[in-house]
C-alpha cells in the first residue's frame, strides 16, 4: 500500500473532524475533496477499462484510450468524497497491478492517483 502523507497534524485533525461530523461532509459541493485517476502509459497503444474504488467501494469505471484513433483519454472525472483519511485504488478486470493508496484529504483538495501502465 502506498501512503501519501499530508502532514501528521493534518491527519490527526482530519480524524478528529471525521469523529465530530461522522460520515457526512459539511463542505459545499464545490469545496468537497475529490479523487481523480490518471493512467500513465509506457510504450503502448490500447484501450483499458479500469474500475475505481474509495474505501473499498466502487465509485466508477472508465475506459482509458492510449494512442488510438480518436485521441488519448488518460484522466478520469473527479469522484467527490468526504474530508478525512481514505484508501483509494484502481483495478483491471482480471486483477490489480496497482497498490492501494492511503490519503488524507482536506476541504477542496483534489488528489490524483497515478496508475503506471505498461503494455507488452
N, C-alpha and C. Protein backbone atom coordinates (compact mmCIF):
# COMPACT_ATOMS: atom_id res chain seq x y z
N UNK A 1 0.84 -1.17 0.00
CA UNK A 1 0.00 0.00 0.00
C UNK A 1 0.88 1.24 0.00
N UNK A 2 0.64 2.15 -0.95
CA UNK A 2 1.33 3.43 -0.95
C UNK A 2 0.70 4.30 0.12
N UNK A 3 1.47 5.14 0.77
CA UNK A 3 0.92 6.06 1.75
C UNK A 3 1.36 7.46 1.37
N UNK A 4 0.39 8.36 1.27
CA UNK A 4 0.68 9.75 0.96
C UNK A 4 0.39 10.55 2.21
N UNK A 5 1.42 11.19 2.77
CA UNK A 5 1.24 11.96 3.99
C UNK A 5 1.05 13.42 3.65
N UNK A 6 0.05 14.01 4.22
CA UNK A 6 -0.21 15.44 4.07
C UNK A 6 0.22 16.16 5.35
N UNK A 7 0.97 15.47 6.20
CA UNK A 7 1.40 16.03 7.48
C UNK A 7 0.66 15.36 8.61
N UNK A 8 1.39 15.03 9.67
CA UNK A 8 0.78 14.33 10.81
C UNK A 8 -0.34 15.15 11.43
N UNK A 9 -0.12 16.45 11.56
CA UNK A 9 -1.16 17.30 12.16
C UNK A 9 -2.42 17.26 11.31
N UNK A 10 -2.26 17.26 9.99
CA UNK A 10 -3.43 17.22 9.09
C UNK A 10 -4.18 15.91 9.25
N UNK A 11 -3.46 14.81 9.40
CA UNK A 11 -4.11 13.51 9.58
C UNK A 11 -4.89 13.48 10.88
N UNK A 12 -4.25 13.91 11.98
CA UNK A 12 -4.95 13.90 13.27
C UNK A 12 -6.14 14.84 13.25
N UNK A 13 -5.97 16.00 12.63
CA UNK A 13 -7.07 16.95 12.52
C UNK A 13 -8.21 16.35 11.70
N UNK A 14 -7.86 15.66 10.60
CA UNK A 14 -8.87 15.02 9.77
C UNK A 14 -9.62 13.94 10.53
N UNK A 15 -8.90 13.12 11.28
CA UNK A 15 -9.54 12.07 12.06
C UNK A 15 -10.44 12.65 13.14
N UNK A 16 -9.99 13.72 13.79
CA UNK A 16 -10.81 14.37 14.82
C UNK A 16 -12.06 14.97 14.19
N UNK A 17 -11.90 15.62 13.04
CA UNK A 17 -13.05 16.22 12.35
C UNK A 17 -14.03 15.13 11.92
N UNK A 18 -13.50 14.03 11.41
CA UNK A 18 -14.38 12.93 10.98
C UNK A 18 -15.15 12.37 12.16
N UNK A 19 -14.52 12.29 13.32
CA UNK A 19 -15.21 11.78 14.51
C UNK A 19 -16.32 12.72 14.93
N UNK A 20 -16.12 14.03 14.73
CA UNK A 20 -17.13 15.01 15.13
C UNK A 20 -18.31 15.07 14.17
N UNK A 21 -18.05 14.94 12.88
CA UNK A 21 -19.13 15.10 11.89
C UNK A 21 -19.60 13.79 11.31
N UNK A 22 -19.01 12.68 11.72
CA UNK A 22 -19.44 11.39 11.19
C UNK A 22 -19.05 11.25 9.74
N UNK A 23 -19.87 10.59 8.95
CA UNK A 23 -19.55 10.33 7.55
C UNK A 23 -20.02 11.42 6.62
N UNK A 24 -20.70 12.43 7.13
CA UNK A 24 -21.21 13.49 6.26
C UNK A 24 -20.19 14.59 6.14
N UNK A 25 -20.12 15.16 4.94
CA UNK A 25 -19.25 16.31 4.72
C UNK A 25 -20.09 17.57 4.82
N UNK A 26 -19.59 18.57 5.55
CA UNK A 26 -20.30 19.83 5.67
C UNK A 26 -19.81 20.83 4.63
N UNK A 27 -18.86 20.43 3.81
CA UNK A 27 -18.32 21.32 2.77
C UNK A 27 -19.32 21.46 1.63
N UNK A 28 -19.46 22.67 1.08
CA UNK A 28 -20.30 22.81 -0.11
C UNK A 28 -19.77 21.91 -1.23
N UNK A 29 -20.64 21.53 -2.15
CA UNK A 29 -20.27 20.59 -3.22
C UNK A 29 -19.03 21.03 -3.98
N UNK A 30 -18.87 22.34 -4.22
CA UNK A 30 -17.72 22.80 -4.98
C UNK A 30 -16.44 22.82 -4.15
N UNK A 31 -16.53 22.58 -2.84
CA UNK A 31 -15.36 22.54 -1.97
C UNK A 31 -15.10 21.13 -1.43
N UNK A 32 -15.89 20.15 -1.86
CA UNK A 32 -15.67 18.77 -1.42
C UNK A 32 -14.35 18.27 -1.97
N UNK A 33 -13.61 17.51 -1.18
CA UNK A 33 -12.41 16.89 -1.73
C UNK A 33 -12.81 15.85 -2.78
N UNK A 34 -11.89 15.52 -3.66
CA UNK A 34 -12.19 14.57 -4.73
C UNK A 34 -10.94 13.77 -5.08
N UNK A 35 -11.18 12.63 -5.74
CA UNK A 35 -10.09 11.78 -6.22
C UNK A 35 -10.22 11.68 -7.74
N UNK A 36 -9.09 11.85 -8.43
CA UNK A 36 -9.00 11.71 -9.88
C UNK A 36 -8.00 10.60 -10.14
N UNK A 37 -8.26 9.78 -11.14
CA UNK A 37 -7.34 8.70 -11.51
C UNK A 37 -6.72 9.02 -12.86
N UNK A 38 -5.39 8.87 -12.95
CA UNK A 38 -4.67 9.18 -14.20
C UNK A 38 -3.80 7.99 -14.59
N UNK A 39 -4.08 7.45 -15.78
CA UNK A 39 -3.27 6.36 -16.31
C UNK A 39 -1.98 6.94 -16.89
N UNK A 40 -0.86 6.34 -16.55
CA UNK A 40 0.45 6.79 -17.04
C UNK A 40 1.03 5.67 -17.88
N UNK A 41 0.74 5.69 -19.20
CA UNK A 41 1.17 4.58 -20.06
C UNK A 41 2.65 4.64 -20.41
N UNK A 42 3.22 3.46 -20.66
CA UNK A 42 4.61 3.33 -21.08
C UNK A 42 4.62 2.52 -22.38
N UNK A 43 4.91 3.17 -23.48
CA UNK A 43 5.12 2.48 -24.76
C UNK A 43 3.96 1.55 -25.13
N UNK A 44 2.78 2.10 -25.29
CA UNK A 44 1.70 1.21 -25.64
C UNK A 44 0.59 1.90 -26.39
N UNK A 45 -0.23 1.09 -27.01
CA UNK A 45 -1.41 1.55 -27.73
C UNK A 45 -2.52 0.55 -27.45
N UNK A 46 -3.54 0.98 -26.69
CA UNK A 46 -4.59 0.05 -26.29
C UNK A 46 -5.79 0.80 -25.73
N UNK A 47 -6.82 0.05 -25.42
CA UNK A 47 -8.00 0.54 -24.71
C UNK A 47 -8.08 -0.26 -23.41
N UNK A 48 -8.17 0.43 -22.26
CA UNK A 48 -8.09 -0.24 -20.96
C UNK A 48 -9.26 0.19 -20.06
N UNK A 49 -10.19 -0.73 -19.75
CA UNK A 49 -11.22 -0.40 -18.76
C UNK A 49 -10.64 -0.55 -17.35
N UNK A 50 -10.91 0.44 -16.50
CA UNK A 50 -10.38 0.45 -15.13
C UNK A 50 -11.52 0.79 -14.17
N UNK A 51 -11.60 0.03 -13.06
CA UNK A 51 -12.59 0.25 -12.01
C UNK A 51 -11.92 1.03 -10.89
N UNK A 52 -12.65 2.03 -10.31
CA UNK A 52 -12.10 2.91 -9.29
C UNK A 52 -12.81 2.67 -7.95
N UNK A 53 -12.01 2.74 -6.87
CA UNK A 53 -12.53 2.47 -5.53
C UNK A 53 -12.07 3.53 -4.54
N UNK A 54 -12.96 3.90 -3.62
CA UNK A 54 -12.63 4.74 -2.48
C UNK A 54 -13.15 3.99 -1.25
N UNK A 55 -12.26 3.68 -0.34
CA UNK A 55 -12.60 2.92 0.87
C UNK A 55 -13.28 1.59 0.53
N UNK A 56 -12.73 0.91 -0.46
CA UNK A 56 -13.19 -0.41 -0.92
C UNK A 56 -14.59 -0.41 -1.55
N UNK A 57 -15.12 0.76 -1.85
CA UNK A 57 -16.42 0.88 -2.51
C UNK A 57 -16.18 1.37 -3.94
N UNK A 58 -16.72 0.64 -4.92
CA UNK A 58 -16.54 1.07 -6.31
C UNK A 58 -17.28 2.38 -6.54
N UNK A 59 -16.54 3.39 -7.01
CA UNK A 59 -17.13 4.71 -7.26
C UNK A 59 -17.30 4.99 -8.74
N UNK A 60 -16.70 4.16 -9.60
CA UNK A 60 -16.85 4.38 -11.03
C UNK A 60 -16.01 3.43 -11.84
N UNK A 61 -16.18 3.54 -13.15
CA UNK A 61 -15.39 2.79 -14.11
C UNK A 61 -15.19 3.70 -15.32
N UNK A 62 -14.04 3.59 -15.94
CA UNK A 62 -13.75 4.40 -17.12
C UNK A 62 -12.93 3.57 -18.08
N UNK A 63 -13.02 3.87 -19.35
CA UNK A 63 -12.22 3.20 -20.36
C UNK A 63 -11.19 4.18 -20.88
N UNK A 64 -9.94 3.94 -20.50
CA UNK A 64 -8.85 4.80 -20.95
C UNK A 64 -8.44 4.39 -22.36
N UNK A 65 -8.07 5.39 -23.15
CA UNK A 65 -7.64 5.16 -24.53
C UNK A 65 -6.22 5.69 -24.67
N UNK A 66 -5.32 4.81 -25.13
CA UNK A 66 -3.91 5.16 -25.22
C UNK A 66 -3.45 5.03 -26.67
N UNK A 67 -3.10 6.15 -27.28
CA UNK A 67 -2.54 6.16 -28.63
C UNK A 67 -3.39 5.39 -29.63
N UNK A 68 -4.70 5.64 -29.63
CA UNK A 68 -5.61 5.01 -30.59
C UNK A 68 -6.37 6.10 -31.33
N UNK A 69 -7.01 5.72 -32.43
CA UNK A 69 -7.78 6.69 -33.22
C UNK A 69 -8.80 7.38 -32.33
N UNK A 70 -8.96 8.66 -32.51
CA UNK A 70 -9.89 9.42 -31.70
C UNK A 70 -9.22 10.14 -30.54
N UNK A 71 -7.95 9.88 -30.34
CA UNK A 71 -7.20 10.59 -29.30
C UNK A 71 -7.11 9.84 -27.98
N UNK A 72 -6.20 10.32 -27.15
CA UNK A 72 -5.97 9.72 -25.84
C UNK A 72 -7.04 10.17 -24.85
N UNK A 73 -7.35 9.28 -23.93
CA UNK A 73 -8.17 9.60 -22.76
C UNK A 73 -7.46 8.95 -21.59
N UNK A 74 -6.79 9.76 -20.76
CA UNK A 74 -5.93 9.22 -19.71
C UNK A 74 -6.32 9.62 -18.29
N UNK A 75 -7.30 10.52 -18.16
CA UNK A 75 -7.68 11.03 -16.84
C UNK A 75 -9.18 10.89 -16.61
N UNK A 76 -9.55 10.34 -15.45
CA UNK A 76 -10.96 10.17 -15.12
C UNK A 76 -11.58 11.51 -14.71
N UNK A 77 -12.89 11.51 -14.63
CA UNK A 77 -13.58 12.62 -14.00
C UNK A 77 -13.30 12.56 -12.50
N UNK A 78 -13.48 13.66 -11.78
CA UNK A 78 -13.26 13.61 -10.32
C UNK A 78 -14.40 12.87 -9.61
N UNK A 79 -14.04 12.13 -8.57
CA UNK A 79 -15.01 11.43 -7.75
C UNK A 79 -15.02 12.10 -6.37
N UNK A 80 -16.10 12.85 -6.05
CA UNK A 80 -16.16 13.55 -4.76
C UNK A 80 -16.18 12.56 -3.60
N UNK A 81 -15.58 12.98 -2.50
CA UNK A 81 -15.58 12.18 -1.28
C UNK A 81 -15.65 13.13 -0.10
N UNK A 82 -15.45 12.65 1.09
CA UNK A 82 -15.53 13.49 2.28
C UNK A 82 -14.13 13.86 2.76
N UNK A 83 -14.07 14.87 3.61
CA UNK A 83 -12.81 15.26 4.24
C UNK A 83 -12.36 14.12 5.14
N UNK A 84 -11.05 13.85 5.15
CA UNK A 84 -10.52 12.83 6.05
C UNK A 84 -9.65 11.82 5.33
N UNK A 85 -9.32 10.75 6.05
CA UNK A 85 -8.45 9.70 5.53
C UNK A 85 -9.27 8.71 4.69
N UNK A 86 -8.71 8.33 3.54
CA UNK A 86 -9.37 7.39 2.63
C UNK A 86 -8.33 6.47 2.00
N UNK A 87 -8.77 5.26 1.66
CA UNK A 87 -7.94 4.34 0.87
C UNK A 87 -8.51 4.36 -0.54
N UNK A 88 -7.68 4.76 -1.51
CA UNK A 88 -8.12 4.82 -2.89
C UNK A 88 -7.39 3.75 -3.69
N UNK A 89 -8.07 3.22 -4.71
CA UNK A 89 -7.46 2.17 -5.51
C UNK A 89 -8.12 2.05 -6.86
N UNK A 90 -7.49 1.27 -7.70
CA UNK A 90 -8.00 1.02 -9.05
C UNK A 90 -7.65 -0.41 -9.42
N UNK A 91 -8.52 -1.01 -10.23
CA UNK A 91 -8.30 -2.41 -10.63
C UNK A 91 -8.66 -2.59 -12.09
N UNK A 92 -7.98 -3.54 -12.70
CA UNK A 92 -8.35 -4.01 -14.03
C UNK A 92 -9.35 -5.14 -13.87
N UNK A 93 -9.97 -5.59 -14.95
CA UNK A 93 -10.97 -6.65 -14.87
C UNK A 93 -10.42 -7.91 -14.21
N UNK A 94 -9.18 -8.27 -14.51
CA UNK A 94 -8.61 -9.52 -14.01
C UNK A 94 -7.49 -9.28 -13.00
N UNK A 95 -7.67 -8.32 -12.11
CA UNK A 95 -6.66 -8.09 -11.08
C UNK A 95 -6.23 -6.64 -11.02
N UNK A 96 -5.26 -6.39 -10.19
CA UNK A 96 -4.81 -5.02 -9.98
C UNK A 96 -3.29 -4.93 -9.99
N UNK A 97 -2.74 -4.21 -10.96
CA UNK A 97 -1.29 -4.00 -10.94
C UNK A 97 -0.89 -2.84 -10.03
N UNK A 98 -1.89 -2.19 -9.41
CA UNK A 98 -1.61 -1.00 -8.61
C UNK A 98 -1.94 -1.23 -7.14
N UNK A 99 -1.05 -0.79 -6.25
CA UNK A 99 -1.34 -0.89 -4.81
C UNK A 99 -2.35 0.18 -4.40
N UNK A 100 -3.09 -0.08 -3.34
CA UNK A 100 -3.98 0.93 -2.78
C UNK A 100 -3.14 2.07 -2.21
N UNK A 101 -3.75 3.24 -2.08
CA UNK A 101 -3.05 4.42 -1.57
C UNK A 101 -3.87 5.02 -0.43
N UNK A 102 -3.21 5.30 0.70
CA UNK A 102 -3.86 5.95 1.82
C UNK A 102 -3.62 7.45 1.70
N UNK A 103 -4.71 8.23 1.66
CA UNK A 103 -4.60 9.69 1.55
C UNK A 103 -5.44 10.34 2.64
N UNK A 104 -5.04 11.54 3.03
CA UNK A 104 -5.81 12.36 3.95
C UNK A 104 -6.19 13.62 3.18
N UNK A 105 -7.48 13.81 2.95
CA UNK A 105 -7.95 14.91 2.11
C UNK A 105 -8.55 16.04 2.93
N UNK A 106 -8.25 17.25 2.51
CA UNK A 106 -8.78 18.46 3.13
C UNK A 106 -9.88 19.04 2.26
N UNK A 107 -10.63 19.98 2.78
CA UNK A 107 -11.69 20.64 2.03
C UNK A 107 -11.14 21.22 0.74
N UNK A 108 -11.79 20.90 -0.38
CA UNK A 108 -11.41 21.44 -1.68
C UNK A 108 -10.21 20.77 -2.34
N UNK A 109 -9.55 19.86 -1.67
CA UNK A 109 -8.36 19.21 -2.22
C UNK A 109 -8.74 18.15 -3.24
N UNK A 110 -7.97 18.08 -4.33
CA UNK A 110 -8.15 17.03 -5.34
C UNK A 110 -6.86 16.21 -5.36
N UNK A 111 -6.98 14.92 -5.10
CA UNK A 111 -5.85 14.00 -5.13
C UNK A 111 -5.87 13.23 -6.45
N UNK A 112 -4.73 13.18 -7.14
CA UNK A 112 -4.62 12.40 -8.38
C UNK A 112 -3.86 11.13 -8.09
N UNK A 113 -4.53 9.99 -8.31
CA UNK A 113 -3.91 8.68 -8.14
C UNK A 113 -3.30 8.30 -9.49
N UNK A 114 -1.97 8.29 -9.57
CA UNK A 114 -1.28 7.94 -10.82
C UNK A 114 -1.19 6.43 -10.95
N UNK A 115 -1.57 5.93 -12.12
CA UNK A 115 -1.61 4.49 -12.37
C UNK A 115 -0.64 4.15 -13.50
N UNK A 116 0.61 3.78 -13.18
CA UNK A 116 1.56 3.39 -14.22
C UNK A 116 1.05 2.17 -14.97
N UNK A 117 1.22 2.16 -16.29
CA UNK A 117 0.69 1.06 -17.09
C UNK A 117 1.64 0.75 -18.23
N UNK A 118 1.99 -0.51 -18.36
CA UNK A 118 2.90 -0.96 -19.44
C UNK A 118 2.24 -2.06 -20.23
N UNK A 119 2.20 -1.90 -21.55
CA UNK A 119 1.68 -2.94 -22.43
C UNK A 119 2.85 -3.66 -23.07
N UNK A 120 2.73 -4.93 -23.26
CA UNK A 120 3.81 -5.64 -23.95
C UNK A 120 3.35 -6.02 -25.35
